[in-house]
Amino acid sequence: MQYRLKRTIGAIVILMAVAGPAHTEPRATPKSQPDQRTLVLPYIAVGGAPEGWHFLTVLSLENSHRLANSGTIEFFTGDGRPLHVQLNDSAGLAARSEWRVSGKDSTLLVVSHPGGSFEDGWLRIRLAGKASIKVIVLVQCYNGEHLFAEAGTVGDP
């Protein structure tokens, strides 16, 4: 198990314990974003043994505009391959999903991965329209049912 600094939130420095090789940013994310309608967030973690150490990533999509907003969300491994995840306990796994948030509303997406393997990577959110959306990403580490650590970041294309 390695300890890495993941994010600084306000004055609180959060350390996350993660298994696997240490790297601080995705190895295969685009170097520049093509427009303001694309947001790349550099770290997600999912999977592990549900009765032991495991990770969930929670996404909050917040629409401050009065009209609905929609788009796609894509998940990738650290080397840029599609990462198939489970959203909100859905029956299937997918590396790409569509989302929609009503005007002046928000939605919560819980990203998980069944089975005992740990997966980490990054995500890309694309907006269908020109209005921005606020995205909060929270990576949570559990030991069984007990929350051990969490780290988050805010993105706003």
N, C-alpha and C. Protein backbone atom coordinates (compact mmCIF):
# COMPACT_ATOMS: atom_id res chain seq x y z
N MET A 1 0.85 -1.17 0.00
CA MET A 1 0.00 0.00 0.00
C MET A 1 0.90 1.24 0.00
N GLN A 2 0.57 2.20 -0.86
CA GLN A 2 1.33 3.44 -0.96
C GLN A 2 0.44 4.59 -0.54
N TYR A 3 1.05 5.63 0.00
CA TYR A 3 0.30 6.82 0.37
C TYR A 3 0.70 7.94 -0.56
N ARG A 4 -0.31 8.62 -1.13
CA ARG A 4 -0.04 9.71 -2.05
C ARG A 4 -0.92 10.89 -1.70
N LEU A 5 -0.40 12.07 -1.91
CA LEU A 5 -1.20 13.28 -1.78
C LEU A 5 -2.08 13.37 -3.01
N LYS A 6 -3.39 13.42 -2.85
CA LYS A 6 -4.29 13.49 -3.99
C LYS A 6 -4.80 14.90 -4.22
N ARG A 7 -5.26 15.60 -3.24
CA ARG A 7 -5.84 16.92 -3.42
C ARG A 7 -5.69 17.72 -2.12
N THR A 8 -5.69 19.02 -2.25
CA THR A 8 -5.77 19.90 -1.10
C THR A 8 -7.14 20.57 -1.17
N ILE A 9 -7.94 20.40 -0.14
CA ILE A 9 -9.27 21.00 -0.09
C ILE A 9 -9.23 22.05 1.01
N GLY A 10 -9.29 23.34 0.60
CA GLY A 10 -9.16 24.41 1.58
C GLY A 10 -7.81 24.29 2.25
N ALA A 11 -7.80 24.26 3.56
CA ALA A 11 -6.55 24.14 4.31
C ALA A 11 -6.30 22.71 4.74
N ILE A 12 -7.16 21.79 4.34
CA ILE A 12 -7.02 20.40 4.76
C ILE A 12 -6.28 19.62 3.68
N VAL A 13 -5.23 18.95 4.04
CA VAL A 13 -4.50 18.12 3.11
C VAL A 13 -4.96 16.69 3.34
N ILE A 14 -5.38 16.02 2.28
CA ILE A 14 -5.91 14.67 2.39
C ILE A 14 -4.94 13.70 1.75
N LEU A 15 -4.59 12.65 2.48
CA LEU A 15 -3.78 11.57 1.94
C LEU A 15 -4.69 10.39 1.68
N MET A 16 -4.50 9.75 0.54
CA MET A 16 -5.27 8.55 0.25
C MET A 16 -4.33 7.37 0.20
N ALA A 17 -4.77 6.27 0.75
CA ALA A 17 -4.00 5.04 0.65
C ALA A 17 -4.50 4.30 -0.58
N VAL A 18 -3.59 4.03 -1.51
CA VAL A 18 -3.99 3.34 -2.72
C VAL A 18 -3.01 2.24 -3.05
N ALA A 19 -3.53 1.18 -3.62
CA ALA A 19 -2.68 0.09 -4.05
C ALA A 19 -2.27 0.34 -5.49
N GLY A 20 -1.11 -0.14 -5.87
CA GLY A 20 -0.69 -0.02 -7.26
C GLY A 20 0.37 1.04 -7.44
N PRO A 21 0.80 1.22 -8.69
CA PRO A 21 1.87 2.18 -8.97
C PRO A 21 1.42 3.61 -8.72
N ALA A 22 2.34 4.42 -8.25
CA ALA A 22 2.03 5.82 -7.94
C ALA A 22 2.18 6.67 -9.20
N HIS A 23 1.16 7.43 -9.50
CA HIS A 23 1.24 8.47 -10.52
C HIS A 23 0.24 9.54 -10.15
N THR A 24 0.56 10.78 -10.46
CA THR A 24 -0.27 11.88 -9.98
C THR A 24 -1.23 12.42 -11.02
N GLU A 25 -1.06 12.06 -12.29
CA GLU A 25 -2.00 12.53 -13.29
C GLU A 25 -2.17 11.44 -14.33
N PRO A 26 -3.27 11.48 -15.06
CA PRO A 26 -3.49 10.44 -16.05
C PRO A 26 -2.42 10.48 -17.12
N ARG A 27 -2.05 9.31 -17.58
CA ARG A 27 -0.98 9.23 -18.57
C ARG A 27 -1.49 9.47 -19.98
N ALA A 28 -2.81 9.40 -20.20
CA ALA A 28 -3.30 9.45 -21.57
C ALA A 28 -4.39 10.50 -21.78
N THR A 29 -4.51 11.47 -20.89
CA THR A 29 -5.51 12.52 -21.12
C THR A 29 -5.01 13.48 -22.17
N PRO A 30 -5.92 14.14 -22.87
CA PRO A 30 -5.49 15.12 -23.87
C PRO A 30 -4.70 16.24 -23.22
N LYS A 31 -3.70 16.76 -23.94
CA LYS A 31 -2.87 17.83 -23.40
C LYS A 31 -3.63 19.15 -23.33
N SER A 32 -4.54 19.37 -24.23
CA SER A 32 -5.34 20.59 -24.18
C SER A 32 -6.79 20.22 -24.50
N GLN A 33 -7.69 20.91 -23.89
CA GLN A 33 -9.09 20.64 -24.12
C GLN A 33 -9.55 21.40 -25.35
N PRO A 34 -10.31 20.75 -26.27
CA PRO A 34 -10.66 21.39 -27.53
C PRO A 34 -11.58 22.59 -27.40
N ASP A 35 -12.46 22.61 -26.42
CA ASP A 35 -13.34 23.76 -26.22
C ASP A 35 -13.85 23.75 -24.78
N GLN A 36 -14.62 24.76 -24.45
CA GLN A 36 -15.12 24.89 -23.09
C GLN A 36 -16.24 23.91 -22.78
N ARG A 37 -16.65 23.09 -23.73
CA ARG A 37 -17.71 22.13 -23.49
C ARG A 37 -17.18 20.75 -23.12
N THR A 38 -15.87 20.62 -22.97
CA THR A 38 -15.26 19.36 -22.60
C THR A 38 -14.49 19.55 -21.30
N LEU A 39 -14.70 18.66 -20.37
CA LEU A 39 -14.01 18.71 -19.07
C LEU A 39 -13.35 17.37 -18.82
N VAL A 40 -12.05 17.39 -18.54
CA VAL A 40 -11.31 16.17 -18.22
C VAL A 40 -10.94 16.25 -16.74
N LEU A 41 -11.35 15.24 -15.99
CA LEU A 41 -11.01 15.17 -14.57
C LEU A 41 -10.04 14.01 -14.38
N PRO A 42 -8.90 14.27 -13.72
CA PRO A 42 -7.76 13.38 -13.81
C PRO A 42 -7.73 12.13 -12.95
N TYR A 43 -8.69 11.90 -12.08
CA TYR A 43 -8.54 10.70 -11.26
C TYR A 43 -9.87 10.17 -10.76
N ILE A 44 -10.10 8.88 -11.01
CA ILE A 44 -11.20 8.16 -10.39
C ILE A 44 -10.63 6.83 -9.90
N ALA A 45 -11.28 6.24 -8.93
CA ALA A 45 -10.88 4.93 -8.43
C ALA A 45 -12.15 4.15 -8.09
N VAL A 46 -12.19 2.89 -8.50
CA VAL A 46 -13.34 2.04 -8.25
C VAL A 46 -12.85 0.61 -8.02
N GLY A 47 -13.71 -0.19 -7.40
CA GLY A 47 -13.44 -1.61 -7.25
C GLY A 47 -12.69 -1.96 -5.99
N GLY A 48 -12.34 -3.22 -5.91
CA GLY A 48 -11.72 -3.80 -4.74
C GLY A 48 -12.68 -4.80 -4.11
N ALA A 49 -12.27 -5.39 -3.03
CA ALA A 49 -13.09 -6.40 -2.35
C ALA A 49 -14.15 -5.70 -1.49
N PRO A 50 -15.46 -5.90 -1.76
CA PRO A 50 -16.50 -5.22 -0.99
C PRO A 50 -16.42 -5.45 0.52
N GLU A 51 -15.96 -6.63 0.93
CA GLU A 51 -15.85 -6.90 2.36
C GLU A 51 -14.53 -6.39 2.95
N GLY A 52 -13.64 -5.91 2.10
CA GLY A 52 -12.35 -5.36 2.53
C GLY A 52 -12.15 -3.96 1.98
N TRP A 53 -10.91 -3.68 1.52
CA TRP A 53 -10.59 -2.37 0.97
C TRP A 53 -11.18 -2.24 -0.43
N HIS A 54 -11.93 -1.14 -0.65
CA HIS A 54 -12.50 -0.88 -1.97
C HIS A 54 -12.77 0.61 -2.14
N PHE A 55 -12.98 1.00 -3.39
CA PHE A 55 -13.16 2.41 -3.75
C PHE A 55 -14.48 2.63 -4.47
N LEU A 56 -15.06 3.81 -4.26
CA LEU A 56 -16.19 4.33 -5.02
C LEU A 56 -15.81 5.74 -5.46
N THR A 57 -16.30 6.16 -6.60
CA THR A 57 -16.16 7.54 -7.01
C THR A 57 -17.56 8.12 -7.14
N VAL A 58 -17.80 9.26 -6.50
CA VAL A 58 -19.10 9.91 -6.52
C VAL A 58 -18.98 11.20 -7.33
N LEU A 59 -19.89 11.39 -8.28
CA LEU A 59 -19.90 12.59 -9.12
C LEU A 59 -21.18 13.36 -8.86
N SER A 60 -21.05 14.65 -8.67
CA SER A 60 -22.21 15.53 -8.57
C SER A 60 -22.17 16.47 -9.76
N LEU A 61 -23.23 16.45 -10.57
CA LEU A 61 -23.35 17.34 -11.71
C LEU A 61 -24.37 18.40 -11.35
N GLU A 62 -23.94 19.67 -11.30
CA GLU A 62 -24.80 20.76 -10.85
C GLU A 62 -25.03 21.76 -11.98
N ASN A 63 -26.30 22.00 -12.29
CA ASN A 63 -26.69 22.92 -13.36
C ASN A 63 -27.27 24.18 -12.73
N SER A 64 -26.58 25.29 -12.86
CA SER A 64 -27.05 26.55 -12.27
C SER A 64 -27.91 27.36 -13.24
N HIS A 65 -28.08 26.89 -14.44
CA HIS A 65 -28.86 27.60 -15.45
C HIS A 65 -30.33 27.17 -15.38
N ARG A 66 -31.21 27.96 -15.95
CA ARG A 66 -32.64 27.63 -15.85
C ARG A 66 -33.08 26.57 -16.85
N LEU A 67 -32.29 26.35 -17.91
CA LEU A 67 -32.62 25.32 -18.89
C LEU A 67 -31.85 24.03 -18.59
N ALA A 68 -32.41 22.91 -19.00
CA ALA A 68 -31.76 21.61 -18.78
C ALA A 68 -30.43 21.56 -19.52
N ASN A 69 -29.52 20.73 -19.03
CA ASN A 69 -28.22 20.53 -19.64
C ASN A 69 -28.01 19.02 -19.78
N SER A 70 -27.30 18.61 -20.80
CA SER A 70 -27.07 17.18 -21.02
C SER A 70 -25.73 16.99 -21.70
N GLY A 71 -25.34 15.73 -21.83
CA GLY A 71 -24.08 15.41 -22.48
C GLY A 71 -23.71 13.97 -22.28
N THR A 72 -22.42 13.69 -22.44
CA THR A 72 -21.92 12.34 -22.25
C THR A 72 -20.81 12.35 -21.21
N ILE A 73 -20.60 11.19 -20.60
CA ILE A 73 -19.49 10.99 -19.67
C ILE A 73 -18.79 9.72 -20.11
N GLU A 74 -17.45 9.79 -20.19
CA GLU A 74 -16.66 8.65 -20.62
C GLU A 74 -15.59 8.37 -19.57
N PHE A 75 -15.33 7.10 -19.34
CA PHE A 75 -14.35 6.66 -18.35
C PHE A 75 -13.21 5.94 -19.06
N PHE A 76 -11.96 6.22 -18.61
CA PHE A 76 -10.78 5.65 -19.24
C PHE A 76 -9.82 5.13 -18.18
N THR A 77 -9.04 4.11 -18.55
CA THR A 77 -7.95 3.65 -17.70
C THR A 77 -6.82 4.67 -17.79
N GLY A 78 -5.80 4.53 -16.97
CA GLY A 78 -4.68 5.45 -16.99
C GLY A 78 -3.95 5.51 -18.31
N ASP A 79 -4.01 4.42 -19.10
CA ASP A 79 -3.34 4.42 -20.40
C ASP A 79 -4.29 4.70 -21.56
N GLY A 80 -5.51 5.19 -21.25
CA GLY A 80 -6.42 5.66 -22.28
C GLY A 80 -7.40 4.66 -22.85
N ARG A 81 -7.40 3.42 -22.36
CA ARG A 81 -8.38 2.43 -22.81
C ARG A 81 -9.71 2.69 -22.11
N PRO A 82 -10.85 2.34 -22.74
CA PRO A 82 -12.15 2.50 -22.08
C PRO A 82 -12.19 1.71 -20.77
N LEU A 83 -12.69 2.34 -19.72
CA LEU A 83 -12.86 1.70 -18.41
C LEU A 83 -14.35 1.48 -18.20
N HIS A 84 -14.76 0.23 -18.19
CA HIS A 84 -16.17 -0.12 -18.03
C HIS A 84 -16.51 -0.11 -16.54
N VAL A 85 -17.46 0.76 -16.18
CA VAL A 85 -17.85 0.94 -14.79
C VAL A 85 -19.36 0.76 -14.65
N GLN A 86 -19.79 0.71 -13.42
CA GLN A 86 -21.21 0.60 -13.08
C GLN A 86 -21.66 1.93 -12.52
N LEU A 87 -22.75 2.51 -13.06
CA LEU A 87 -23.29 3.78 -12.58
C LEU A 87 -24.56 3.54 -11.78
N ASN A 88 -24.60 4.05 -10.56
CA ASN A 88 -25.79 3.97 -9.70
C ASN A 88 -26.37 2.56 -9.62
N ASP A 89 -25.51 1.57 -9.43
CA ASP A 89 -25.93 0.17 -9.28
C ASP A 89 -26.72 -0.37 -10.47
N SER A 90 -26.43 0.14 -11.67
CA SER A 90 -27.10 -0.39 -12.87
C SER A 90 -26.70 -1.84 -13.08
N ALA A 91 -27.47 -2.52 -13.90
CA ALA A 91 -27.22 -3.94 -14.14
C ALA A 91 -25.97 -4.19 -14.97
N GLY A 92 -25.64 -3.27 -15.88
CA GLY A 92 -24.52 -3.50 -16.77
C GLY A 92 -23.37 -2.55 -16.54
N LEU A 93 -22.27 -2.85 -17.23
CA LEU A 93 -21.08 -2.01 -17.19
C LEU A 93 -20.98 -1.24 -18.50
N ALA A 94 -20.50 -0.01 -18.43
CA ALA A 94 -20.33 0.81 -19.63
C ALA A 94 -19.18 1.78 -19.43
N ALA A 95 -18.47 2.09 -20.52
CA ALA A 95 -17.39 3.08 -20.47
C ALA A 95 -17.90 4.45 -20.89
N ARG A 96 -19.12 4.51 -21.41
CA ARG A 96 -19.72 5.77 -21.86
C ARG A 96 -21.18 5.77 -21.48
N SER A 97 -21.65 6.94 -21.02
CA SER A 97 -23.05 7.06 -20.64
C SER A 97 -23.54 8.47 -20.94
N GLU A 98 -24.82 8.61 -21.14
CA GLU A 98 -25.42 9.92 -21.34
C GLU A 98 -26.00 10.40 -20.02
N TRP A 99 -26.01 11.70 -19.81
CA TRP A 99 -26.57 12.29 -18.60
C TRP A 99 -27.42 13.49 -18.97
N ARG A 100 -28.31 13.86 -18.05
CA ARG A 100 -29.18 15.03 -18.22
C ARG A 100 -29.48 15.58 -16.83
N VAL A 101 -29.36 16.92 -16.70
CA VAL A 101 -29.69 17.59 -15.45
C VAL A 101 -30.68 18.70 -15.76
N SER A 102 -31.81 18.69 -15.10
CA SER A 102 -32.83 19.73 -15.29
C SER A 102 -32.28 21.08 -14.86
N GLY A 103 -32.95 22.15 -15.30
CA GLY A 103 -32.54 23.49 -14.93
C GLY A 103 -32.59 23.72 -13.43
N LYS A 104 -31.58 24.42 -12.90
CA LYS A 104 -31.48 24.73 -11.47
C LYS A 104 -31.56 23.47 -10.61
N ASP A 105 -30.90 22.40 -11.05
CA ASP A 105 -30.98 21.12 -10.35
C ASP A 105 -29.60 20.46 -10.37
N SER A 106 -29.50 19.31 -9.73
CA SER A 106 -28.26 18.54 -9.74
C SER A 106 -28.60 17.06 -9.76
N THR A 107 -27.62 16.26 -10.10
CA THR A 107 -27.78 14.82 -10.06
C THR A 107 -26.52 14.20 -9.49
N LEU A 108 -26.66 13.06 -8.86
CA LEU A 108 -25.55 12.36 -8.23
C LEU A 108 -25.34 11.04 -8.97
N LEU A 109 -24.10 10.75 -9.33
CA LEU A 109 -23.74 9.49 -9.97
C LEU A 109 -22.73 8.78 -9.09
N VAL A 110 -23.03 7.54 -8.71
CA VAL A 110 -22.10 6.72 -7.93
C VAL A 110 -21.46 5.74 -8.90
N VAL A 111 -20.13 5.82 -9.02
CA VAL A 111 -19.39 5.00 -9.96
C VAL A 111 -18.72 3.88 -9.18
N SER A 112 -18.98 2.65 -9.59
CA SER A 112 -18.40 1.49 -8.91
C SER A 112 -17.94 0.47 -9.94
N HIS A 113 -17.35 -0.61 -9.46
CA HIS A 113 -16.91 -1.69 -10.33
C HIS A 113 -17.07 -2.99 -9.56
N PRO A 114 -17.91 -3.91 -10.04
CA PRO A 114 -18.11 -5.16 -9.31
C PRO A 114 -16.88 -6.05 -9.42
N GLY A 115 -16.81 -7.00 -8.55
CA GLY A 115 -15.66 -7.90 -8.56
C GLY A 115 -14.60 -7.40 -7.59
N GLY A 116 -13.53 -8.14 -7.49
CA GLY A 116 -12.52 -7.83 -6.49
C GLY A 116 -11.35 -7.01 -6.98
N SER A 117 -11.33 -6.61 -8.26
CA SER A 117 -10.15 -5.90 -8.76
C SER A 117 -10.30 -4.39 -8.59
N PHE A 118 -9.18 -3.76 -8.29
CA PHE A 118 -9.11 -2.30 -8.16
C PHE A 118 -8.85 -1.71 -9.54
N GLU A 119 -9.59 -0.66 -9.90
CA GLU A 119 -9.42 0.03 -11.18
C GLU A 119 -9.29 1.52 -10.91
N ASP A 120 -8.34 2.15 -11.59
CA ASP A 120 -8.24 3.61 -11.51
C ASP A 120 -8.13 4.17 -12.91
N GLY A 121 -8.42 5.45 -13.06
CA GLY A 121 -8.38 6.07 -14.37
C GLY A 121 -8.81 7.52 -14.30
N TRP A 122 -9.44 8.00 -15.36
CA TRP A 122 -9.87 9.38 -15.46
C TRP A 122 -11.18 9.42 -16.23
N LEU A 123 -11.81 10.60 -16.26
CA LEU A 123 -13.08 10.72 -16.96
C LEU A 123 -13.12 11.99 -17.79
N ARG A 124 -13.97 11.94 -18.80
CA ARG A 124 -14.18 13.09 -19.67
C ARG A 124 -15.69 13.34 -19.76
N ILE A 125 -16.08 14.59 -19.53
CA ILE A 125 -17.48 14.99 -19.63
C ILE A 125 -17.60 15.96 -20.80
N ARG A 126 -18.56 15.67 -21.67
CA ARG A 126 -18.82 16.55 -22.80
C ARG A 126 -20.24 17.08 -22.69
N LEU A 127 -20.37 18.38 -22.86
CA LEU A 127 -21.67 19.04 -22.80
C LEU A 127 -22.28 19.11 -24.19
N ALA A 128 -23.59 18.88 -24.27
CA ALA A 128 -24.29 18.98 -25.56
C ALA A 128 -24.51 20.44 -25.94
N GLY A 129 -24.77 21.30 -24.97
CA GLY A 129 -25.04 22.71 -25.23
C GLY A 129 -23.87 23.60 -24.86
N LYS A 130 -24.13 24.90 -24.86
CA LYS A 130 -23.07 25.87 -24.55
C LYS A 130 -23.01 26.24 -23.08
N ALA A 131 -24.06 25.95 -22.31
CA ALA A 131 -24.08 26.32 -20.89
C ALA A 131 -23.14 25.42 -20.09
N SER A 132 -22.47 25.99 -19.12
CA SER A 132 -21.52 25.22 -18.30
C SER A 132 -22.26 24.42 -17.23
N ILE A 133 -21.53 23.50 -16.63
CA ILE A 133 -22.05 22.69 -15.54
C ILE A 133 -20.92 22.51 -14.53
N LYS A 134 -21.26 22.50 -13.26
CA LYS A 134 -20.26 22.29 -12.22
C LYS A 134 -20.21 20.80 -11.89
N VAL A 135 -19.00 20.26 -11.82
CA VAL A 135 -18.82 18.84 -11.53
C VAL A 135 -17.95 18.71 -10.28
N ILE A 136 -18.44 17.96 -9.32
CA ILE A 136 -17.66 17.65 -8.12
C ILE A 136 -17.37 16.16 -8.14
N VAL A 137 -16.09 15.81 -7.99
CA VAL A 137 -15.68 14.40 -7.97
C VAL A 137 -15.16 14.09 -6.58
N LEU A 138 -15.66 13.04 -5.99
CA LEU A 138 -15.24 12.61 -4.66
C LEU A 138 -14.86 11.13 -4.73
N VAL A 139 -13.58 10.82 -4.50
CA VAL A 139 -13.11 9.44 -4.46
C VAL A 139 -13.12 8.99 -3.01
N GLN A 140 -13.82 7.89 -2.74
CA GLN A 140 -13.96 7.39 -1.38
C GLN A 140 -13.29 6.02 -1.25
N CYS A 141 -12.57 5.83 -0.16
CA CYS A 141 -11.91 4.56 0.14
C CYS A 141 -12.58 3.95 1.37
N TYR A 142 -13.03 2.72 1.24
CA TYR A 142 -13.72 2.02 2.33
C TYR A 142 -12.94 0.80 2.76
N ASN A 143 -13.09 0.45 4.04
CA ASN A 143 -12.67 -0.85 4.56
C ASN A 143 -13.95 -1.52 5.02
N GLY A 144 -14.47 -2.44 4.20
CA GLY A 144 -15.79 -2.99 4.46
C GLY A 144 -16.83 -1.89 4.29
N GLU A 145 -17.66 -1.70 5.30
CA GLU A 145 -18.68 -0.65 5.24
C GLU A 145 -18.21 0.68 5.82
N HIS A 146 -16.98 0.74 6.31
CA HIS A 146 -16.48 1.92 7.00
C HIS A 146 -15.66 2.81 6.06
N LEU A 147 -16.06 4.07 5.97
CA LEU A 147 -15.33 5.05 5.16
C LEU A 147 -14.00 5.32 5.83
N PHE A 148 -12.90 5.12 5.08
CA PHE A 148 -11.56 5.29 5.61
C PHE A 148 -10.98 6.66 5.21
N ALA A 149 -11.17 7.06 3.95
CA ALA A 149 -10.62 8.32 3.46
C ALA A 149 -11.40 8.76 2.23
N GLU A 150 -11.36 10.07 1.96
CA GLU A 150 -11.97 10.58 0.75
C GLU A 150 -11.21 11.82 0.31
N ALA A 151 -11.22 12.05 -1.00
CA ALA A 151 -10.58 13.23 -1.56
C ALA A 151 -11.44 13.70 -2.73
N GLY A 152 -11.48 15.00 -2.94
CA GLY A 152 -12.35 15.51 -3.99
C GLY A 152 -11.74 16.67 -4.74
N THR A 153 -12.38 16.99 -5.85
CA THR A 153 -12.01 18.14 -6.64
C THR A 153 -13.25 18.68 -7.35
N VAL A 154 -13.19 19.93 -7.75
CA VAL A 154 -14.29 20.57 -8.45
C VAL A 154 -13.81 20.95 -9.85
N GLY A 155 -14.63 20.65 -10.85
CA GLY A 155 -14.33 21.04 -12.21
C GLY A 155 -15.46 21.86 -12.77
N ASP A 156 -15.15 22.86 -13.58
CA ASP A 156 -16.15 23.73 -14.15
C ASP A 156 -15.69 24.12 -15.55
N PRO A 157 -16.23 23.46 -16.61
CA PRO A 157 -15.74 23.78 -17.96
C PRO A 157 -16.09 25.19 -18.37
